[in-house]
Amino acid sequence: MRKLFKQSKNILGVLTRGTDYIARKPKQHPIPPNVSILINDVKEMDNKYKYDYIFFSTEDEFIRINFTKHFKYKLKQVKPNVNVKYNYLKKDFLNLNENINGNIEFNKIYLINIIILSKCLDIITAKCSGTAGIFVLSNGFRNIKIYELGYY
């Protein structure tokens, strides 16, 4: 964390899902926010709290590219060693993806992201399994935004 943020504690954590959640729309799974909604909410919080950094985590390359365009130098990420390269037409479950299934390094990076997100000052997150991990590991957050957009 020192390598990413130096001595700063003024960090907004952002976690969102994409890929199979968006493509498959699995029944009884939470609906993640649209990337434009997420970007607007992050901008609003950043304008209000003037974060030194925004730590961002997603498995979805399309969302990552959009986020990077908007937050450039402020954005910090620990990205996996491979791009997921999700096929939105096939709509497979993410755990069946050839770049993830059995990739220990990918899973280590995912866990590192969850740990870092749990140490951020504030958090904006989609409702997903990773969110539960963030809250289990955290000592609390100053501000919390969890998207409650219903279920598929």
C-alpha atoms as a PDB file:
ATOM      1  CA  MET A   1       0.000   0.000   0.000  1.00  0.00           C
ATOM      2  CA  ARG A   2       2.918   2.354   0.649  1.00  0.00           C
ATOM      3  CA  LYS A   3       4.112   1.799  -2.924  1.00  0.00           C
ATOM      4  CA  LEU A   4       0.673   2.726  -4.260  1.00  0.00           C
ATOM      5  CA  PHE A   5      -0.337   5.536  -1.924  1.00  0.00           C
ATOM      6  CA  LYS A   6       2.880   6.722  -0.240  1.00  0.00           C
ATOM      7  CA  GLN A   7       1.738   7.845   3.233  1.00  0.00           C
ATOM      8  CA  SER A   8      -1.792   8.893   2.224  1.00  0.00           C
ATOM      9  CA  LYS A   9      -4.848   7.553   4.012  1.00  0.00           C
ATOM     10  CA  ASN A  10      -7.245   9.752   2.003  1.00  0.00           C
ATOM     11  CA  ILE A  11      -8.269   7.020  -0.437  1.00  0.00           C
ATOM     12  CA  LEU A  12     -11.610   6.137  -2.006  1.00  0.00           C
ATOM     13  CA  GLY A  13     -12.014   2.422  -2.729  1.00  0.00           C
ATOM     14  CA  VAL A  14     -14.199   1.326  -5.657  1.00  0.00           C
ATOM     15  CA  LEU A  15     -15.240  -2.248  -6.477  1.00  0.00           C
ATOM     16  CA  THR A  16     -17.570  -3.255  -9.277  1.00  0.00           C
ATOM     17  CA  ARG A  17     -18.537  -6.335 -11.247  1.00  0.00           C
ATOM     18  CA  GLY A  18     -19.115  -6.751 -14.945  1.00  0.00           C
ATOM     19  CA  THR A  19     -18.527  -9.639 -17.383  1.00  0.00           C
ATOM     20  CA  ASP A  20     -20.768 -12.598 -16.516  1.00  0.00           C
ATOM     21  CA  TYR A  21     -22.997 -10.502 -14.237  1.00  0.00           C
ATOM     22  CA  ILE A  22     -23.819  -8.216 -17.156  1.00  0.00           C
ATOM     23  CA  ALA A  23     -23.933 -10.891 -19.864  1.00  0.00           C
ATOM     24  CA  ARG A  24     -25.754 -13.687 -18.037  1.00  0.00           C
ATOM     25  CA  LYS A  25     -27.900 -11.640 -15.646  1.00  0.00           C
ATOM     26  CA  PRO A  26     -27.999 -14.603 -13.239  1.00  0.00           C
ATOM     27  CA  LYS A  27     -31.265 -14.938 -11.318  1.00  0.00           C
ATOM     28  CA  GLN A  28     -31.163 -13.736  -7.718  1.00  0.00           C
ATOM     29  CA  HIS A  29     -27.828 -11.957  -8.218  1.00  0.00           C
ATOM     30  CA  PRO A  30     -27.529  -8.223  -7.499  1.00  0.00           C
ATOM     31  CA  ILE A  31     -27.606  -5.863 -10.465  1.00  0.00           C
ATOM     32  CA  PRO A  32     -24.317  -3.913 -10.658  1.00  0.00           C
ATOM     33  CA  PRO A  33     -24.345  -0.198 -11.462  1.00  0.00           C
ATOM     34  CA  ASN A  34     -23.883   1.020 -14.996  1.00  0.00           C
ATOM     35  CA  VAL A  35     -20.332   2.336 -15.495  1.00  0.00           C
ATOM     36  CA  SER A  36     -21.578   5.900 -16.153  1.00  0.00           C
ATOM     37  CA  ILE A  37     -23.504   5.930 -12.849  1.00  0.00           C
ATOM     38  CA  LEU A  38     -20.439   4.656 -11.035  1.00  0.00           C
ATOM     39  CA  ILE A  39     -18.166   7.259 -12.639  1.00  0.00           C
ATOM     40  CA  ASN A  40     -20.585  10.094 -11.778  1.00  0.00           C
ATOM     41  CA  ASP A  41     -20.851   8.951  -8.146  1.00  0.00           C
ATOM     42  CA  VAL A  42     -17.073   8.668  -7.801  1.00  0.00           C
ATOM     43  CA  LYS A  43     -16.637  12.165  -9.294  1.00  0.00           C
ATOM     44  CA  GLU A  44     -19.218  13.539  -6.862  1.00  0.00           C
ATOM     45  CA  MET A  45     -17.489  11.988  -3.837  1.00  0.00           C
ATOM     46  CA  ASP A  46     -14.062  13.050  -5.093  1.00  0.00           C
ATOM     47  CA  ASN A  47     -15.248  16.640  -5.521  1.00  0.00           C
ATOM     48  CA  LYS A  48     -16.627  16.599  -1.987  1.00  0.00           C
ATOM     49  CA  TYR A  49     -13.735  14.846  -0.182  1.00  0.00           C
ATOM     50  CA  LYS A  50     -10.747  15.641  -2.454  1.00  0.00           C
ATOM     51  CA  TYR A  51      -9.187  12.181  -2.319  1.00  0.00           C
ATOM     52  CA  ASP A  52      -5.476  11.797  -2.912  1.00  0.00           C
ATOM     53  CA  TYR A  53      -6.121   8.512  -4.735  1.00  0.00           C
ATOM     54  CA  ILE A  54      -8.912   6.283  -5.970  1.00  0.00           C
ATOM     55  CA  PHE A  55      -8.230   2.566  -5.663  1.00  0.00           C
ATOM     56  CA  PHE A  56     -10.232   0.702  -8.296  1.00  0.00           C
ATOM     57  CA  SER A  57     -10.923  -3.004  -8.701  1.00  0.00           C
ATOM     58  CA  THR A  58     -12.895  -4.861 -11.370  1.00  0.00           C
ATOM     59  CA  GLU A  59     -12.502  -7.958 -13.507  1.00  0.00           C
ATOM     60  CA  ASP A  60     -14.129  -6.229 -16.477  1.00  0.00           C
ATOM     61  CA  GLU A  61     -11.678  -4.677 -18.942  1.00  0.00           C
ATOM     62  CA  PHE A  62     -14.356  -2.483 -20.580  1.00  0.00           C
ATOM     63  CA  ILE A  63     -15.219  -0.917 -17.194  1.00  0.00           C
ATOM     64  CA  ARG A  64     -11.507  -0.560 -16.338  1.00  0.00           C
ATOM     65  CA  ILE A  65     -10.792   1.315 -19.598  1.00  0.00           C
ATOM     66  CA  ASN A  66     -13.701   3.711 -19.052  1.00  0.00           C
ATOM     67  CA  PHE A  67     -12.704   4.357 -15.463  1.00  0.00           C
ATOM     68  CA  THR A  68      -9.070   4.982 -16.396  1.00  0.00           C
ATOM     69  CA  LYS A  69     -10.089   7.598 -18.987  1.00  0.00           C
ATOM     70  CA  HIS A  70     -11.930   9.599 -16.330  1.00  0.00           C
ATOM     71  CA  PHE A  71      -9.582   9.394 -13.347  1.00  0.00           C
ATOM     72  CA  LYS A  72      -6.122   9.027 -14.964  1.00  0.00           C
ATOM     73  CA  TYR A  73      -3.381  10.002 -12.489  1.00  0.00           C
ATOM     74  CA  LYS A  74      -5.514   9.604  -9.358  1.00  0.00           C
ATOM     75  CA  LEU A  75      -6.464   6.032 -10.165  1.00  0.00           C
ATOM     76  CA  LYS A  76      -4.479   3.204  -8.593  1.00  0.00           C
ATOM     77  CA  GLN A  77      -4.976  -0.456  -9.421  1.00  0.00           C
ATOM     78  CA  VAL A  78      -3.421  -3.833  -8.807  1.00  0.00           C
ATOM     79  CA  LYS A  79      -4.283  -5.626 -12.024  1.00  0.00           C
ATOM     80  CA  PRO A  80      -4.143  -9.362 -12.631  1.00  0.00           C
ATOM     81  CA  ASN A  81      -1.326 -10.867 -14.661  1.00  0.00           C
ATOM     82  CA  VAL A  82      -3.723 -11.568 -17.568  1.00  0.00           C
ATOM     83  CA  ASN A  83      -6.764  -9.862 -19.061  1.00  0.00           C
ATOM     84  CA  VAL A  84      -9.912 -11.899 -18.582  1.00  0.00           C
ATOM     85  CA  LYS A  85     -10.924 -11.479 -22.264  1.00  0.00           C
ATOM     86  CA  TYR A  86     -14.534 -12.300 -21.465  1.00  0.00           C
ATOM     87  CA  ASN A  87     -16.690 -13.385 -24.413  1.00  0.00           C
ATOM     88  CA  TYR A  88     -19.988 -11.505 -23.989  1.00  0.00           C
ATOM     89  CA  LEU A  89     -21.589 -13.576 -26.758  1.00  0.00           C
ATOM     90  CA  LYS A  90     -20.827 -16.963 -25.155  1.00  0.00           C
ATOM     91  CA  LYS A  91     -21.913 -15.700 -21.710  1.00  0.00           C
ATOM     92  CA  ASP A  92     -19.934 -18.299 -19.746  1.00  0.00           C
ATOM     93  CA  PHE A  93     -19.566 -18.072 -15.998  1.00  0.00           C
ATOM     94  CA  LEU A  94     -16.444 -16.113 -15.097  1.00  0.00           C
ATOM     95  CA  ASN A  95     -14.925 -19.035 -13.177  1.00  0.00           C
ATOM     96  CA  LEU A  96     -14.899 -21.063 -16.426  1.00  0.00           C
ATOM     97  CA  ASN A  97     -12.758 -18.461 -18.215  1.00  0.00           C
ATOM     98  CA  GLU A  98      -9.496 -20.014 -19.401  1.00  0.00           C
ATOM     99  CA  ASN A  99      -7.499 -17.041 -18.077  1.00  0.00           C
ATOM    100  CA  ILE A 100      -8.945 -17.410 -14.557  1.00  0.00           C
ATOM    101  CA  ASN A 101      -9.687 -21.084 -13.970  1.00  0.00           C
ATOM    102  CA  GLY A 102      -6.679 -22.517 -12.116  1.00  0.00           C
ATOM    103  CA  ASN A 103      -4.739 -19.231 -12.270  1.00  0.00           C
ATOM    104  CA  ILE A 104      -3.351 -18.900  -8.733  1.00  0.00           C
ATOM    105  CA  GLU A 105      -1.739 -15.530  -9.517  1.00  0.00           C
ATOM    106  CA  PHE A 106      -5.112 -14.117 -10.625  1.00  0.00           C
ATOM    107  CA  ASN A 107      -6.656 -15.253  -7.338  1.00  0.00           C
ATOM    108  CA  LYS A 108      -3.807 -13.774  -5.287  1.00  0.00           C
ATOM    109  CA  ILE A 109      -4.262 -10.411  -7.018  1.00  0.00           C
ATOM    110  CA  TYR A 110      -8.019 -10.579  -6.368  1.00  0.00           C
ATOM    111  CA  LEU A 111      -7.390 -11.143  -2.657  1.00  0.00           C
ATOM    112  CA  ILE A 112      -4.818  -8.309  -2.546  1.00  0.00           C
ATOM    113  CA  ASN A 113      -7.452  -6.009  -4.081  1.00  0.00           C
ATOM    114  CA  ILE A 114     -10.015  -6.993  -1.441  1.00  0.00           C
ATOM    115  CA  ILE A 115      -7.494  -6.355   1.358  1.00  0.00           C
ATOM    116  CA  ILE A 116      -6.518  -2.937  -0.045  1.00  0.00           C
ATOM    117  CA  LEU A 117     -10.183  -1.958  -0.525  1.00  0.00           C
ATOM    118  CA  SER A 118     -10.852  -2.895   3.108  1.00  0.00           C
ATOM    119  CA  LYS A 119      -8.218  -0.353   4.216  1.00  0.00           C
ATOM    120  CA  CYS A 120      -9.588   2.608   2.237  1.00  0.00           C
ATOM    121  CA  LEU A 121     -11.119   5.599   4.013  1.00  0.00           C
ATOM    122  CA  ASP A 122     -14.376   5.475   2.019  1.00  0.00           C
ATOM    123  CA  ILE A 123     -15.914   2.816  -0.223  1.00  0.00           C
ATOM    124  CA  ILE A 124     -18.214   2.672  -3.243  1.00  0.00           C
ATOM    125  CA  THR A 125     -19.140  -0.838  -4.289  1.00  0.00           C
ATOM    126  CA  ALA A 126     -21.469  -3.028  -6.231  1.00  0.00           C
ATOM    127  CA  LYS A 127     -23.190  -5.699  -4.205  1.00  0.00           C
ATOM    128  CA  CYS A 128     -21.124  -8.865  -4.786  1.00  0.00           C
ATOM    129  CA  SER A 129     -19.144 -11.515  -2.924  1.00  0.00           C
ATOM    130  CA  GLY A 130     -16.061  -9.308  -2.838  1.00  0.00           C
ATOM    131  CA  THR A 131     -18.044  -6.668  -0.961  1.00  0.00           C
ATOM    132  CA  ALA A 132     -18.648  -9.111   1.877  1.00  0.00           C
ATOM    133  CA  GLY A 133     -14.901  -9.741   2.083  1.00  0.00           C
ATOM    134  CA  ILE A 134     -14.160  -6.028   2.160  1.00  0.00           C
ATOM    135  CA  PHE A 135     -16.471  -5.472   5.120  1.00  0.00           C
ATOM    136  CA  VAL A 136     -15.231  -8.551   7.005  1.00  0.00           C
ATOM    137  CA  LEU A 137     -11.639  -7.306   6.753  1.00  0.00           C
ATOM    138  CA  SER A 138     -12.289  -3.603   7.340  1.00  0.00           C
ATOM    139  CA  ASN A 139     -12.342  -1.644  10.565  1.00  0.00           C
ATOM    140  CA  GLY A 140     -15.174   0.441   9.108  1.00  0.00           C
ATOM    141  CA  PHE A 141     -15.399   3.271   6.618  1.00  0.00           C
ATOM    142  CA  ARG A 142     -16.141   6.969   6.960  1.00  0.00           C
ATOM    143  CA  ASN A 143     -18.546   6.939   3.967  1.00  0.00           C
ATOM    144  CA  ILE A 144     -20.179   3.931   2.322  1.00  0.00           C
ATOM    145  CA  LYS A 145     -22.141   3.618  -0.905  1.00  0.00           C
ATOM    146  CA  ILE A 146     -23.409   0.148  -1.814  1.00  0.00           C
ATOM    147  CA  TYR A 147     -25.609  -0.003  -4.882  1.00  0.00           C
ATOM    148  CA  GLU A 148     -29.006  -1.558  -4.169  1.00  0.00           C
ATOM    149  CA  LEU A 149     -30.377  -1.851  -7.701  1.00  0.00           C
ATOM    150  CA  GLY A 150     -32.437  -4.973  -7.195  1.00  0.00           C
ATOM    151  CA  TYR A 151     -31.811  -8.475  -8.474  1.00  0.00           C
ATOM    152  CA  TYR A 152     -31.915 -10.130 -11.857  1.00  0.00           C
END
